[in-house]
Amino acid sequence: MAVPQIIAVKLAAELAKCFLDYAKCVEQEKTKKLAIFSNLEIMLEQVKIQDKVFNKYLEASFSERERLYQGVEAAYEKAVEIQDHTMLQMTLQFKLNVYLKAPLEGGPSLPCFDNLNNIKLEVL
């Protein structure tokens, strides 16, 4: 039994349409995957840059704190040596101010650490 020619043409057209739709979907998926990977690479580079900024801040901050600690200790020892009560009181107060200050207080704002709980990956 032969299939009528009109049905065969419609079937071939529908098959071609389905194949083209499938090929279009495959290309869209490739493009979406490429976009996702590109965005992830950009985010990774941003985190790396912010990591460098943060590490430089830590180095500068802690070397400054070390310098302050050494200066205060030297002044404290000198105050004890010469028995200068005013200088001793000032150095002790300064030590308290420096030692009690959080080392990261006033540091750089790093967006990569701000909303770690709010990260959402879109699955396409």
PDB file of N, CA and C in Angstrom:
ATOM      1  N   MET A   1       0.850  -1.170   0.000  1.00  0.00           N
ATOM      2  CA  MET A   1       0.000   0.000   0.000  1.00  0.00           C
ATOM      3  C   MET A   1       0.890   1.226   0.000  1.00  0.00           C
ATOM      4  N   ALA A   2       0.672   2.075  -0.932  1.00  0.00           N
ATOM      5  CA  ALA A   2       1.480   3.277  -1.091  1.00  0.00           C
ATOM      6  C   ALA A   2       0.869   4.425  -0.303  1.00  0.00           C
ATOM      7  N   VAL A   3       1.755   5.216   0.257  1.00  0.00           N
ATOM      8  CA  VAL A   3       1.315   6.392   1.013  1.00  0.00           C
ATOM      9  C   VAL A   3       0.996   7.483  -0.003  1.00  0.00           C
ATOM     10  N   PRO A   4      -0.143   8.124   0.164  1.00  0.00           N
ATOM     11  CA  PRO A   4      -0.473   9.196  -0.775  1.00  0.00           C
ATOM     12  C   PRO A   4       0.628  10.251  -0.778  1.00  0.00           C
ATOM     13  N   GLN A   5       0.858  10.814  -1.919  1.00  0.00           N
ATOM     14  CA  GLN A   5       1.969  11.752  -2.110  1.00  0.00           C
ATOM     15  C   GLN A   5       1.836  12.979  -1.199  1.00  0.00           C
ATOM     16  N   ILE A   6       0.676  13.502  -0.993  1.00  0.00           N
ATOM     17  CA  ILE A   6       0.467  14.701  -0.163  1.00  0.00           C
ATOM     18  C   ILE A   6       0.848  14.418   1.286  1.00  0.00           C
ATOM     19  N   ILE A   7       0.514  13.225   1.767  1.00  0.00           N
ATOM     20  CA  ILE A   7       0.858  12.855   3.153  1.00  0.00           C
ATOM     21  C   ILE A   7       2.379  12.704   3.274  1.00  0.00           C
ATOM     22  N   ALA A   8       2.998  12.131   2.268  1.00  0.00           N
ATOM     23  CA  ALA A   8       4.452  11.954   2.288  1.00  0.00           C
ATOM     24  C   ALA A   8       5.152  13.317   2.314  1.00  0.00           C
ATOM     25  N   VAL A   9       4.635  14.265   1.550  1.00  0.00           N
ATOM     26  CA  VAL A   9       5.222  15.617   1.521  1.00  0.00           C
ATOM     27  C   VAL A   9       5.051  16.286   2.874  1.00  0.00           C
ATOM     28  N   LYS A  10       3.852  16.183   3.444  1.00  0.00           N
ATOM     29  CA  LYS A  10       3.607  16.776   4.772  1.00  0.00           C
ATOM     30  C   LYS A  10       4.494  16.125   5.823  1.00  0.00           C
ATOM     31  N   LEU A  11       4.641  14.819   5.743  1.00  0.00           N
ATOM     32  CA  LEU A  11       5.482  14.087   6.688  1.00  0.00           C
ATOM     33  C   LEU A  11       6.944  14.514   6.554  1.00  0.00           C
ATOM     34  N   ALA A  12       7.401  14.665   5.325  1.00  0.00           N
ATOM     35  CA  ALA A  12       8.781  15.098   5.090  1.00  0.00           C
ATOM     36  C   ALA A  12       8.985  16.529   5.600  1.00  0.00           C
ATOM     37  N   ALA A  13       8.018  17.394   5.384  1.00  0.00           N
ATOM     38  CA  ALA A  13       8.109  18.782   5.857  1.00  0.00           C
ATOM     39  C   ALA A  13       8.135  18.826   7.385  1.00  0.00           C
ATOM     40  N   GLU A  14       7.283  18.019   8.001  1.00  0.00           N
ATOM     41  CA  GLU A  14       7.247  17.977   9.471  1.00  0.00           C
ATOM     42  C   GLU A  14       8.550  17.412  10.026  1.00  0.00           C
ATOM     43  N   LEU A  15       9.083  16.395   9.371  1.00  0.00           N
ATOM     44  CA  LEU A  15      10.354  15.806   9.787  1.00  0.00           C
ATOM     45  C   LEU A  15      11.487  16.826   9.661  1.00  0.00           C
ATOM     46  N   ALA A  16      11.504  17.569   8.573  1.00  0.00           N
ATOM     47  CA  ALA A  16      12.524  18.605   8.374  1.00  0.00           C
ATOM     48  C   ALA A  16      12.383  19.701   9.424  1.00  0.00           C
ATOM     49  N   LYS A  17      11.144  20.091   9.717  1.00  0.00           N
ATOM     50  CA  LYS A  17      10.900  21.123  10.748  1.00  0.00           C
ATOM     51  C   LYS A  17      11.400  20.632  12.112  1.00  0.00           C
ATOM     52  N   CYS A  18      11.097  19.397  12.435  1.00  0.00           N
ATOM     53  CA  CYS A  18      11.553  18.834  13.719  1.00  0.00           C
ATOM     54  C   CYS A  18      13.073  18.794  13.786  1.00  0.00           C
ATOM     55  N   PHE A  19      13.709  18.398  12.707  1.00  0.00           N
ATOM     56  CA  PHE A  19      15.163  18.341  12.687  1.00  0.00           C
ATOM     57  C   PHE A  19      15.758  19.740  12.855  1.00  0.00           C
ATOM     58  N   LEU A  20      15.186  20.732  12.149  1.00  0.00           N
ATOM     59  CA  LEU A  20      15.684  22.117  12.272  1.00  0.00           C
ATOM     60  C   LEU A  20      15.473  22.657  13.684  1.00  0.00           C
ATOM     61  N   ASP A  21      14.320  22.349  14.284  1.00  0.00           N
ATOM     62  CA  ASP A  21      14.060  22.767  15.667  1.00  0.00           C
ATOM     63  C   ASP A  21      15.071  22.135  16.623  1.00  0.00           C
ATOM     64  N   TYR A  22      15.371  20.853  16.400  1.00  0.00           N
ATOM     65  CA  TYR A  22      16.353  20.163  17.232  1.00  0.00           C
ATOM     66  C   TYR A  22      17.738  20.797  17.075  1.00  0.00           C
ATOM     67  N   ALA A  23      18.134  21.072  15.846  1.00  0.00           N
ATOM     68  CA  ALA A  23      19.440  21.689  15.594  1.00  0.00           C
ATOM     69  C   ALA A  23      19.504  23.076  16.246  1.00  0.00           C
ATOM     70  N   LYS A  24      18.399  23.792  16.194  1.00  0.00           N
ATOM     71  CA  LYS A  24      18.330  25.126  16.820  1.00  0.00           C
ATOM     72  C   LYS A  24      18.497  24.998  18.342  1.00  0.00           C
ATOM     73  N   CYS A  25      17.832  24.015  18.941  1.00  0.00           N
ATOM     74  CA  CYS A  25      17.940  23.791  20.391  1.00  0.00           C
ATOM     75  C   CYS A  25      19.369  23.419  20.789  1.00  0.00           C
ATOM     76  N   VAL A  26      20.004  22.586  19.976  1.00  0.00           N
ATOM     77  CA  VAL A  26      21.388  22.191  20.248  1.00  0.00           C
ATOM     78  C   VAL A  26      22.285  23.424  20.248  1.00  0.00           C
ATOM     79  N   GLU A  27      22.135  24.303  19.292  1.00  0.00           N
ATOM     80  CA  GLU A  27      22.942  25.528  19.217  1.00  0.00           C
ATOM     81  C   GLU A  27      22.650  26.455  20.399  1.00  0.00           C
ATOM     82  N   GLN A  28      21.373  26.564  20.775  1.00  0.00           N
ATOM     83  CA  GLN A  28      21.015  27.396  21.922  1.00  0.00           C
ATOM     84  C   GLN A  28      21.655  26.858  23.197  1.00  0.00           C
ATOM     85  N   GLU A  29      21.641  25.560  23.366  1.00  0.00           N
ATOM     86  CA  GLU A  29      22.256  24.950  24.552  1.00  0.00           C
ATOM     87  C   GLU A  29      23.756  25.192  24.579  1.00  0.00           C
ATOM     88  N   LYS A  30      24.396  25.074  23.418  1.00  0.00           N
ATOM     89  CA  LYS A  30      25.834  25.346  23.345  1.00  0.00           C
ATOM     90  C   LYS A  30      26.110  26.792  23.738  1.00  0.00           C
ATOM     91  N   THR A  31      25.294  27.704  23.230  1.00  0.00           N
ATOM     92  CA  THR A  31      25.475  29.119  23.532  1.00  0.00           C
ATOM     93  C   THR A  31      25.250  29.389  25.019  1.00  0.00           C
ATOM     94  N   LYS A  32      24.212  28.783  25.592  1.00  0.00           N
ATOM     95  CA  LYS A  32      23.929  28.976  27.019  1.00  0.00           C
ATOM     96  C   LYS A  32      25.062  28.419  27.888  1.00  0.00           C
ATOM     97  N   LYS A  33      25.565  27.239  27.527  1.00  0.00           N
ATOM     98  CA  LYS A  33      26.675  26.653  28.289  1.00  0.00           C
ATOM     99  C   LYS A  33      27.918  27.536  28.202  1.00  0.00           C
ATOM    100  N   LEU A  34      28.180  28.047  27.009  1.00  0.00           N
ATOM    101  CA  LEU A  34      29.326  28.936  26.829  1.00  0.00           C
ATOM    102  C   LEU A  34      29.169  30.193  27.680  1.00  0.00           C
ATOM    103  N   ALA A  35      27.956  30.740  27.716  1.00  0.00           N
ATOM    104  CA  ALA A  35      27.697  31.933  28.526  1.00  0.00           C
ATOM    105  C   ALA A  35      27.900  31.633  30.009  1.00  0.00           C
ATOM    106  N   ILE A  36      27.425  30.486  30.462  1.00  0.00           N
ATOM    107  CA  ILE A  36      27.583  30.107  31.873  1.00  0.00           C
ATOM    108  C   ILE A  36      29.061  29.977  32.220  1.00  0.00           C
ATOM    109  N   PHE A  37      29.809  29.259  31.395  1.00  0.00           N
ATOM    110  CA  PHE A  37      31.232  29.081  31.670  1.00  0.00           C
ATOM    111  C   PHE A  37      31.985  30.407  31.605  1.00  0.00           C
ATOM    112  N   SER A  38      31.606  31.272  30.689  1.00  0.00           N
ATOM    113  CA  SER A  38      32.246  32.588  30.592  1.00  0.00           C
ATOM    114  C   SER A  38      31.971  33.415  31.844  1.00  0.00           C
ATOM    115  N   ASN A  39      30.722  33.387  32.307  1.00  0.00           N
ATOM    116  CA  ASN A  39      30.387  34.121  33.535  1.00  0.00           C
ATOM    117  C   ASN A  39      31.126  33.565  34.737  1.00  0.00           C
ATOM    118  N   LEU A  40      31.264  32.247  34.808  1.00  0.00           N
ATOM    119  CA  LEU A  40      32.011  31.648  35.914  1.00  0.00           C
ATOM    120  C   LEU A  40      33.484  32.040  35.868  1.00  0.00           C
ATOM    121  N   GLU A  41      34.050  32.099  34.668  1.00  0.00           N
ATOM    122  CA  GLU A  41      35.451  32.520  34.536  1.00  0.00           C
ATOM    123  C   GLU A  41      35.617  33.968  34.974  1.00  0.00           C
ATOM    124  N   ILE A  42      34.670  34.809  34.612  1.00  0.00           N
ATOM    125  CA  ILE A  42      34.726  36.219  35.026  1.00  0.00           C
ATOM    126  C   ILE A  42      34.642  36.314  36.549  1.00  0.00           C
ATOM    127  N   MET A  43      33.707  35.566  37.143  1.00  0.00           N
ATOM    128  CA  MET A  43      33.570  35.588  38.602  1.00  0.00           C
ATOM    129  C   MET A  43      34.842  35.096  39.275  1.00  0.00           C
ATOM    130  N   LEU A  44      35.449  34.064  38.731  1.00  0.00           N
ATOM    131  CA  LEU A  44      36.687  33.525  39.293  1.00  0.00           C
ATOM    132  C   LEU A  44      37.800  34.560  39.234  1.00  0.00           C
ATOM    133  N   GLU A  45      37.915  35.256  38.121  1.00  0.00           N
ATOM    134  CA  GLU A  45      38.937  36.305  37.990  1.00  0.00           C
ATOM    135  C   GLU A  45      38.682  37.433  38.983  1.00  0.00           C
ATOM    136  N   GLN A  46      37.411  37.794  39.183  1.00  0.00           N
ATOM    137  CA  GLN A  46      37.080  38.840  40.149  1.00  0.00           C
ATOM    138  C   GLN A  46      37.483  38.412  41.555  1.00  0.00           C
ATOM    139  N   VAL A  47      37.232  37.168  41.892  1.00  0.00           N
ATOM    140  CA  VAL A  47      37.607  36.652  43.220  1.00  0.00           C
ATOM    141  C   VAL A  47      39.122  36.662  43.372  1.00  0.00           C
ATOM    142  N   LYS A  48      39.841  36.277  42.317  1.00  0.00           N
ATOM    143  CA  LYS A  48      41.309  36.280  42.373  1.00  0.00           C
ATOM    144  C   LYS A  48      41.839  37.691  42.591  1.00  0.00           C
ATOM    145  N   ILE A  49      41.272  38.663  41.892  1.00  0.00           N
ATOM    146  CA  ILE A  49      41.700  40.056  42.049  1.00  0.00           C
ATOM    147  C   ILE A  49      41.409  40.541  43.461  1.00  0.00           C
ATOM    148  N   GLN A  50      40.210  40.234  43.957  1.00  0.00           N
ATOM    149  CA  GLN A  50      39.847  40.655  45.305  1.00  0.00           C
ATOM    150  C   GLN A  50      40.713  39.951  46.347  1.00  0.00           C
ATOM    151  N   ASP A  51      41.105  38.721  46.070  1.00  0.00           N
ATOM    152  CA  ASP A  51      42.003  37.992  46.966  1.00  0.00           C
ATOM    153  C   ASP A  51      43.349  38.707  47.049  1.00  0.00           C
ATOM    154  N   LYS A  52      43.865  39.161  45.905  1.00  0.00           N
ATOM    155  CA  LYS A  52      45.135  39.896  45.900  1.00  0.00           C
ATOM    156  C   LYS A  52      45.012  41.192  46.694  1.00  0.00           C
ATOM    157  N   VAL A  53      43.904  41.909  46.486  1.00  0.00           N
ATOM    158  CA  VAL A  53      43.680  43.167  47.222  1.00  0.00           C
ATOM    159  C   VAL A  53      43.631  42.880  48.723  1.00  0.00           C
ATOM    160  N   PHE A  54      42.893  41.850  49.104  1.00  0.00           N
ATOM    161  CA  PHE A  54      42.746  41.503  50.511  1.00  0.00           C
ATOM    162  C   PHE A  54      44.082  41.099  51.123  1.00  0.00           C
ATOM    163  N   ASN A  55      44.860  40.303  50.396  1.00  0.00           N
ATOM    164  CA  ASN A  55      46.168  39.878  50.907  1.00  0.00           C
ATOM    165  C   ASN A  55      47.114  41.060  51.065  1.00  0.00           C
ATOM    166  N   LYS A  56      47.086  41.993  50.119  1.00  0.00           N
ATOM    167  CA  LYS A  56      47.924  43.191  50.257  1.00  0.00           C
ATOM    168  C   LYS A  56      47.482  44.023  51.450  1.00  0.00           C
ATOM    169  N   TYR A  57      46.165  44.117  51.650  1.00  0.00           N
ATOM    170  CA  TYR A  57      45.665  44.837  52.819  1.00  0.00           C
ATOM    171  C   TYR A  57      46.141  44.165  54.103  1.00  0.00           C
ATOM    172  N   LEU A  58      46.045  42.839  54.155  1.00  0.00           N
ATOM    173  CA  LEU A  58      46.484  42.119  55.360  1.00  0.00           C
ATOM    174  C   LEU A  58      47.968  42.346  55.627  1.00  0.00           C
ATOM    175  N   GLU A  59      48.785  42.260  54.581  1.00  0.00           N
ATOM    176  CA  GLU A  59      50.220  42.486  54.756  1.00  0.00           C
ATOM    177  C   GLU A  59      50.485  43.882  55.305  1.00  0.00           C
ATOM    178  N   ALA A  60      49.851  44.876  54.700  1.00  0.00           N
ATOM    179  CA  ALA A  60      50.063  46.260  55.140  1.00  0.00           C
ATOM    180  C   ALA A  60      49.525  46.470  56.550  1.00  0.00           C
ATOM    181  N   SER A  61      48.339  45.934  56.811  1.00  0.00           N
ATOM    182  CA  SER A  61      47.715  46.120  58.117  1.00  0.00           C
ATOM    183  C   SER A  61      48.543  45.492  59.228  1.00  0.00           C
ATOM    184  N   PHE A  62      48.978  44.261  59.021  1.00  0.00           N
ATOM    185  CA  PHE A  62      49.702  43.582  60.077  1.00  0.00           C
ATOM    186  C   PHE A  62      51.124  44.104  60.237  1.00  0.00           C
ATOM    187  N   SER A  63      51.739  44.553  59.154  1.00  0.00           N
ATOM    188  CA  SER A  63      53.070  45.147  59.311  1.00  0.00           C
ATOM    189  C   SER A  63      52.949  46.482  60.049  1.00  0.00           C
ATOM    190  N   GLU A  64      51.869  47.227  59.791  1.00  0.00           N
ATOM    191  CA  GLU A  64      51.628  48.485  60.519  1.00  0.00           C
ATOM    192  C   GLU A  64      51.373  48.192  61.989  1.00  0.00           C
ATOM    193  N   ARG A  65      50.559  47.179  62.272  1.00  0.00           N
ATOM    194  CA  ARG A  65      50.290  46.814  63.673  1.00  0.00           C
ATOM    195  C   ARG A  65      51.580  46.378  64.366  1.00  0.00           C
ATOM    196  N   GLU A  66      52.415  45.615  63.676  1.00  0.00           N
ATOM    197  CA  GLU A  66      53.679  45.179  64.266  1.00  0.00           C
ATOM    198  C   GLU A  66      54.557  46.383  64.599  1.00  0.00           C
ATOM    199  N   ARG A  67      54.603  47.342  63.665  1.00  0.00           N
ATOM    200  CA  ARG A  67      55.388  48.550  63.900  1.00  0.00           C
ATOM    201  C   ARG A  67      54.841  49.320  65.110  1.00  0.00           C
ATOM    202  N   LEU A  68      53.518  49.413  65.195  1.00  0.00           N
ATOM    203  CA  LEU A  68      52.900  50.089  66.345  1.00  0.00           C
ATOM    204  C   LEU A  68      53.213  49.354  67.648  1.00  0.00           C
ATOM    205  N   TYR A  69      53.100  48.026  67.636  1.00  0.00           N
ATOM    206  CA  TYR A  69      53.391  47.237  68.829  1.00  0.00           C
ATOM    207  C   TYR A  69      54.830  47.459  69.297  1.00  0.00           C
ATOM    208  N   GLN A  70      55.759  47.436  68.350  1.00  0.00           N
ATOM    209  CA  GLN A  70      57.159  47.624  68.710  1.00  0.00           C
ATOM    210  C   GLN A  70      57.390  49.019  69.291  1.00  0.00           C
ATOM    211  N   GLY A  71      56.784  50.020  68.684  1.00  0.00           N
ATOM    212  CA  GLY A  71      56.929  51.395  69.185  1.00  0.00           C
ATOM    213  C   GLY A  71      56.340  51.555  70.572  1.00  0.00           C
ATOM    214  N   VAL A  72      55.173  50.968  70.785  1.00  0.00           N
ATOM    215  CA  VAL A  72      54.519  51.066  72.096  1.00  0.00           C
ATOM    216  C   VAL A  72      55.336  50.323  73.148  1.00  0.00           C
ATOM    217  N   GLU A  73      55.831  49.152  72.806  1.00  0.00           N
ATOM    218  CA  GLU A  73      56.642  48.390  73.755  1.00  0.00           C
ATOM    219  C   GLU A  73      57.910  49.163  74.139  1.00  0.00           C
ATOM    220  N   ALA A  74      58.542  49.788  73.137  1.00  0.00           N
ATOM    221  CA  ALA A  74      59.750  50.575  73.412  1.00  0.00           C
ATOM    222  C   ALA A  74      59.418  51.761  74.319  1.00  0.00           C
ATOM    223  N   ALA A  75      58.297  52.439  74.027  1.00  0.00           N
ATOM    224  CA  ALA A  75      57.891  53.580  74.865  1.00  0.00           C
ATOM    225  C   ALA A  75      57.524  53.112  76.269  1.00  0.00           C
ATOM    226  N   TYR A  76      56.858  51.976  76.372  1.00  0.00           N
ATOM    227  CA  TYR A  76      56.486  51.419  77.671  1.00  0.00           C
ATOM    228  C   TYR A  76      57.733  51.105  78.496  1.00  0.00           C
ATOM    229  N   GLU A  77      58.694  50.427  77.873  1.00  0.00           N
ATOM    230  CA  GLU A  77      59.928  50.095  78.583  1.00  0.00           C
ATOM    231  C   GLU A  77      60.676  51.360  79.015  1.00  0.00           C
ATOM    232  N   LYS A  78      60.692  52.365  78.159  1.00  0.00           N
ATOM    233  CA  LYS A  78      61.352  53.632  78.505  1.00  0.00           C
ATOM    234  C   LYS A  78      60.637  54.306  79.675  1.00  0.00           C
ATOM    235  N   ALA A  79      59.301  54.273  79.677  1.00  0.00           N
ATOM    236  CA  ALA A  79      58.527  54.876  80.767  1.00  0.00           C
ATOM    237  C   ALA A  79      58.809  54.166  82.088  1.00  0.00           C
ATOM    238  N   VAL A  80      58.914  52.845  82.044  1.00  0.00           N
ATOM    239  CA  VAL A  80      59.230  52.084  83.257  1.00  0.00           C
ATOM    240  C   VAL A  80      60.643  52.423  83.719  1.00  0.00           C
ATOM    241  N   GLU A  81      61.558  52.514  82.748  1.00  0.00           N
ATOM    242  CA  GLU A  81      62.961  52.798  83.069  1.00  0.00           C
ATOM    243  C   GLU A  81      63.125  54.163  83.744  1.00  0.00           C
ATOM    244  N   ILE A  82      62.470  55.182  83.216  1.00  0.00           N
ATOM    245  CA  ILE A  82      62.632  56.537  83.780  1.00  0.00           C
ATOM    246  C   ILE A  82      61.555  56.855  84.816  1.00  0.00           C
ATOM    247  N   GLN A  83      60.665  55.904  85.055  1.00  0.00           N
ATOM    248  CA  GLN A  83      59.594  56.028  86.037  1.00  0.00           C
ATOM    249  C   GLN A  83      58.714  57.251  85.773  1.00  0.00           C
ATOM    250  N   ASP A  84      58.347  57.415  84.519  1.00  0.00           N
ATOM    251  CA  ASP A  84      57.449  58.502  84.107  1.00  0.00           C
ATOM    252  C   ASP A  84      56.029  57.943  84.091  1.00  0.00           C
ATOM    253  N   HIS A  85      55.256  58.303  85.136  1.00  0.00           N
ATOM    254  CA  HIS A  85      53.915  57.746  85.295  1.00  0.00           C
ATOM    255  C   HIS A  85      52.943  58.223  84.216  1.00  0.00           C
ATOM    256  N   THR A  86      53.083  59.456  83.768  1.00  0.00           N
ATOM    257  CA  THR A  86      52.210  59.971  82.711  1.00  0.00           C
ATOM    258  C   THR A  86      52.460  59.220  81.407  1.00  0.00           C
ATOM    259  N   MET A  87      53.740  59.058  81.067  1.00  0.00           N
ATOM    260  CA  MET A  87      54.088  58.331  79.850  1.00  0.00           C
ATOM    261  C   MET A  87      53.665  56.868  79.969  1.00  0.00           C
ATOM    262  N   LEU A  88      53.808  56.297  81.157  1.00  0.00           N
ATOM    263  CA  LEU A  88      53.407  54.915  81.389  1.00  0.00           C
ATOM    264  C   LEU A  88      51.897  54.759  81.189  1.00  0.00           C
ATOM    265  N   GLN A  89      51.129  55.690  81.736  1.00  0.00           N
ATOM    266  CA  GLN A  89      49.678  55.645  81.584  1.00  0.00           C
ATOM    267  C   GLN A  89      49.280  55.781  80.106  1.00  0.00           C
ATOM    268  N   MET A  90      49.939  56.683  79.390  1.00  0.00           N
ATOM    269  CA  MET A  90      49.642  56.885  77.971  1.00  0.00           C
ATOM    270  C   MET A  90      49.979  55.642  77.157  1.00  0.00           C
ATOM    271  N   THR A  91      51.115  55.030  77.440  1.00  0.00           N
ATOM    272  CA  THR A  91      51.493  53.833  76.660  1.00  0.00           C
ATOM    273  C   THR A  91      50.556  52.666  76.958  1.00  0.00           C
ATOM    274  N   LEU A  92      50.160  52.523  78.221  1.00  0.00           N
ATOM    275  CA  LEU A  92      49.223  51.454  78.557  1.00  0.00           C
ATOM    276  C   LEU A  92      47.870  51.669  77.878  1.00  0.00           C
ATOM    277  N   GLN A  93      47.409  52.916  77.854  1.00  0.00           N
ATOM    278  CA  GLN A  93      46.148  53.221  77.186  1.00  0.00           C
ATOM    279  C   GLN A  93      46.260  52.959  75.676  1.00  0.00           C
ATOM    280  N   PHE A  94      47.392  53.350  75.117  1.00  0.00           N
ATOM    281  CA  PHE A  94      47.617  53.129  73.693  1.00  0.00           C
ATOM    282  C   PHE A  94      47.650  51.630  73.375  1.00  0.00           C
ATOM    283  N   LYS A  95      48.336  50.861  74.252  1.00  0.00           N
ATOM    284  CA  LYS A  95      48.386  49.412  74.070  1.00  0.00           C
ATOM    285  C   LYS A  95      46.981  48.823  74.066  1.00  0.00           C
ATOM    286  N   LEU A  96      46.158  49.282  74.991  1.00  0.00           N
ATOM    287  CA  LEU A  96      44.788  48.778  75.037  1.00  0.00           C
ATOM    288  C   LEU A  96      44.037  49.125  73.756  1.00  0.00           C
ATOM    289  N   ASN A  97      44.193  50.350  73.291  1.00  0.00           N
ATOM    290  CA  ASN A  97      43.498  50.774  72.068  1.00  0.00           C
ATOM    291  C   ASN A  97      43.943  49.956  70.857  1.00  0.00           C
ATOM    292  N   VAL A  98      45.237  49.731  70.745  1.00  0.00           N
ATOM    293  CA  VAL A  98      45.757  48.987  69.585  1.00  0.00           C
ATOM    294  C   VAL A  98      45.445  47.506  69.718  1.00  0.00           C
ATOM    295  N   TYR A  99      45.661  46.930  70.891  1.00  0.00           N
ATOM    296  CA  TYR A  99      45.474  45.486  71.064  1.00  0.00           C
ATOM    297  C   TYR A  99      44.001  45.084  70.968  1.00  0.00           C
ATOM    298  N   LEU A 100      43.114  45.947  71.395  1.00  0.00           N
ATOM    299  CA  LEU A 100      41.696  45.590  71.388  1.00  0.00           C
ATOM    300  C   LEU A 100      41.018  45.864  70.049  1.00  0.00           C
ATOM    301  N   LYS A 101      41.680  46.585  69.165  1.00  0.00           N
ATOM    302  CA  LYS A 101      41.102  46.876  67.854  1.00  0.00           C
ATOM    303  C   LYS A 101      41.194  45.632  66.982  1.00  0.00           C
ATOM    304  N   ALA A 102      40.096  45.312  66.322  1.00  0.00           N
ATOM    305  CA  ALA A 102      40.085  44.153  65.417  1.00  0.00           C
ATOM    306  C   ALA A 102      41.018  44.442  64.242  1.00  0.00           C
ATOM    307  N   PRO A 103      41.891  43.500  63.906  1.00  0.00           N
ATOM    308  CA  PRO A 103      42.875  43.747  62.849  1.00  0.00           C
ATOM    309  C   PRO A 103      42.258  43.979  61.474  1.00  0.00           C
ATOM    310  N   LEU A 104      41.058  43.477  61.225  1.00  0.00           N
ATOM    311  CA  LEU A 104      40.439  43.649  59.912  1.00  0.00           C
ATOM    312  C   LEU A 104      39.466  44.819  59.869  1.00  0.00           C
ATOM    313  N   GLU A 105      39.306  45.504  60.985  1.00  0.00           N
ATOM    314  CA  GLU A 105      38.392  46.645  61.047  1.00  0.00           C
ATOM    315  C   GLU A 105      38.881  47.743  60.113  1.00  0.00           C
ATOM    316  N   GLY A 106      37.977  48.250  59.310  1.00  0.00           N
ATOM    317  CA  GLY A 106      38.345  49.321  58.389  1.00  0.00           C
ATOM    318  C   GLY A 106      39.030  48.825  57.144  1.00  0.00           C
ATOM    319  N   GLY A 107      38.974  47.532  56.918  1.00  0.00           N
ATOM    320  CA  GLY A 107      39.624  46.953  55.742  1.00  0.00           C
ATOM    321  C   GLY A 107      38.815  47.189  54.481  1.00  0.00           C
ATOM    322  N   PRO A 108      39.327  46.709  53.376  1.00  0.00           N
ATOM    323  CA  PRO A 108      38.635  46.927  52.108  1.00  0.00           C
ATOM    324  C   PRO A 108      37.337  46.145  52.038  1.00  0.00           C
ATOM    325  N   SER A 109      36.380  46.701  51.338  1.00  0.00           N
ATOM    326  CA  SER A 109      35.121  46.006  51.114  1.00  0.00           C
ATOM    327  C   SER A 109      35.316  45.068  49.938  1.00  0.00           C
ATOM    328  N   LEU A 110      35.066  43.802  50.164  1.00  0.00           N
ATOM    329  CA  LEU A 110      35.271  42.814  49.111  1.00  0.00           C
ATOM    330  C   LEU A 110      33.940  42.161  48.770  1.00  0.00           C
ATOM    331  N   PRO A 111      33.362  42.525  47.629  1.00  0.00           N
ATOM    332  CA  PRO A 111      32.048  41.993  47.271  1.00  0.00           C
ATOM    333  C   PRO A 111      31.981  40.480  47.234  1.00  0.00           C
ATOM    334  N   CYS A 112      33.092  39.827  46.936  1.00  0.00           N
ATOM    335  CA  CYS A 112      33.034  38.369  46.830  1.00  0.00           C
ATOM    336  C   CYS A 112      32.769  37.723  48.182  1.00  0.00           C
ATOM    337  N   PHE A 113      33.001  38.429  49.281  1.00  0.00           N
ATOM    338  CA  PHE A 113      32.765  37.870  50.600  1.00  0.00           C
ATOM    339  C   PHE A 113      31.468  38.384  51.230  1.00  0.00           C
ATOM    340  N   ASP A 114      30.809  39.347  50.581  1.00  0.00           N
ATOM    341  CA  ASP A 114      29.637  39.976  51.173  1.00  0.00           C
ATOM    342  C   ASP A 114      28.419  39.059  51.221  1.00  0.00           C
ATOM    343  N   ASN A 115      28.087  38.418  50.125  1.00  0.00           N
ATOM    344  CA  ASN A 115      26.844  37.657  50.043  1.00  0.00           C
ATOM    345  C   ASN A 115      27.091  36.201  49.701  1.00  0.00           C
ATOM    346  N   LEU A 116      27.949  35.550  50.437  1.00  0.00           N
ATOM    347  CA  LEU A 116      28.264  34.163  50.128  1.00  0.00           C
ATOM    348  C   LEU A 116      27.046  33.255  50.262  1.00  0.00           C
ATOM    349  N   ASN A 117      26.112  33.612  51.140  1.00  0.00           N
ATOM    350  CA  ASN A 117      24.925  32.778  51.330  1.00  0.00           C
ATOM    351  C   ASN A 117      23.879  32.991  50.241  1.00  0.00           C
ATOM    352  N   ASN A 118      24.025  34.042  49.454  1.00  0.00           N
ATOM    353  CA  ASN A 118      23.020  34.368  48.454  1.00  0.00           C
ATOM    354  C   ASN A 118      23.412  33.947  47.047  1.00  0.00           C
ATOM    355  N   ILE A 119      24.456  33.151  46.916  1.00  0.00           N
ATOM    356  CA  ILE A 119      24.900  32.739  45.582  1.00  0.00           C
ATOM    357  C   ILE A 119      23.912  31.721  45.031  1.00  0.00           C
ATOM    358  N   LYS A 120      23.443  31.993  43.828  1.00  0.00           N
ATOM    359  CA  LYS A 120      22.518  31.075  43.163  1.00  0.00           C
ATOM    360  C   LYS A 120      23.038  30.834  41.757  1.00  0.00           C
ATOM    361  N   LEU A 121      23.083  29.595  41.370  1.00  0.00           N
ATOM    362  CA  LEU A 121      23.474  29.257  40.009  1.00  0.00           C
ATOM    363  C   LEU A 121      22.219  28.933  39.233  1.00  0.00           C
ATOM    364  N   GLU A 122      22.093  29.559  38.083  1.00  0.00           N
ATOM    365  CA  GLU A 122      20.928  29.307  37.247  1.00  0.00           C
ATOM    366  C   GLU A 122      21.208  28.090  36.389  1.00  0.00           C
ATOM    367  N   VAL A 123      20.345  27.117  36.490  1.00  0.00           N
ATOM    368  CA  VAL A 123      20.475  25.922  35.682  1.00  0.00           C
ATOM    369  C   VAL A 123      19.553  26.079  34.488  1.00  0.00           C
ATOM    370  N   LEU A 124      20.144  26.026  33.317  1.00  0.00           N
ATOM    371  CA  LEU A 124      19.350  26.228  32.092  1.00  0.00           C
ATOM    372  C   LEU A 124      18.974  24.900  31.483  1.00  0.00           C
TER     373      LEU A 124
END
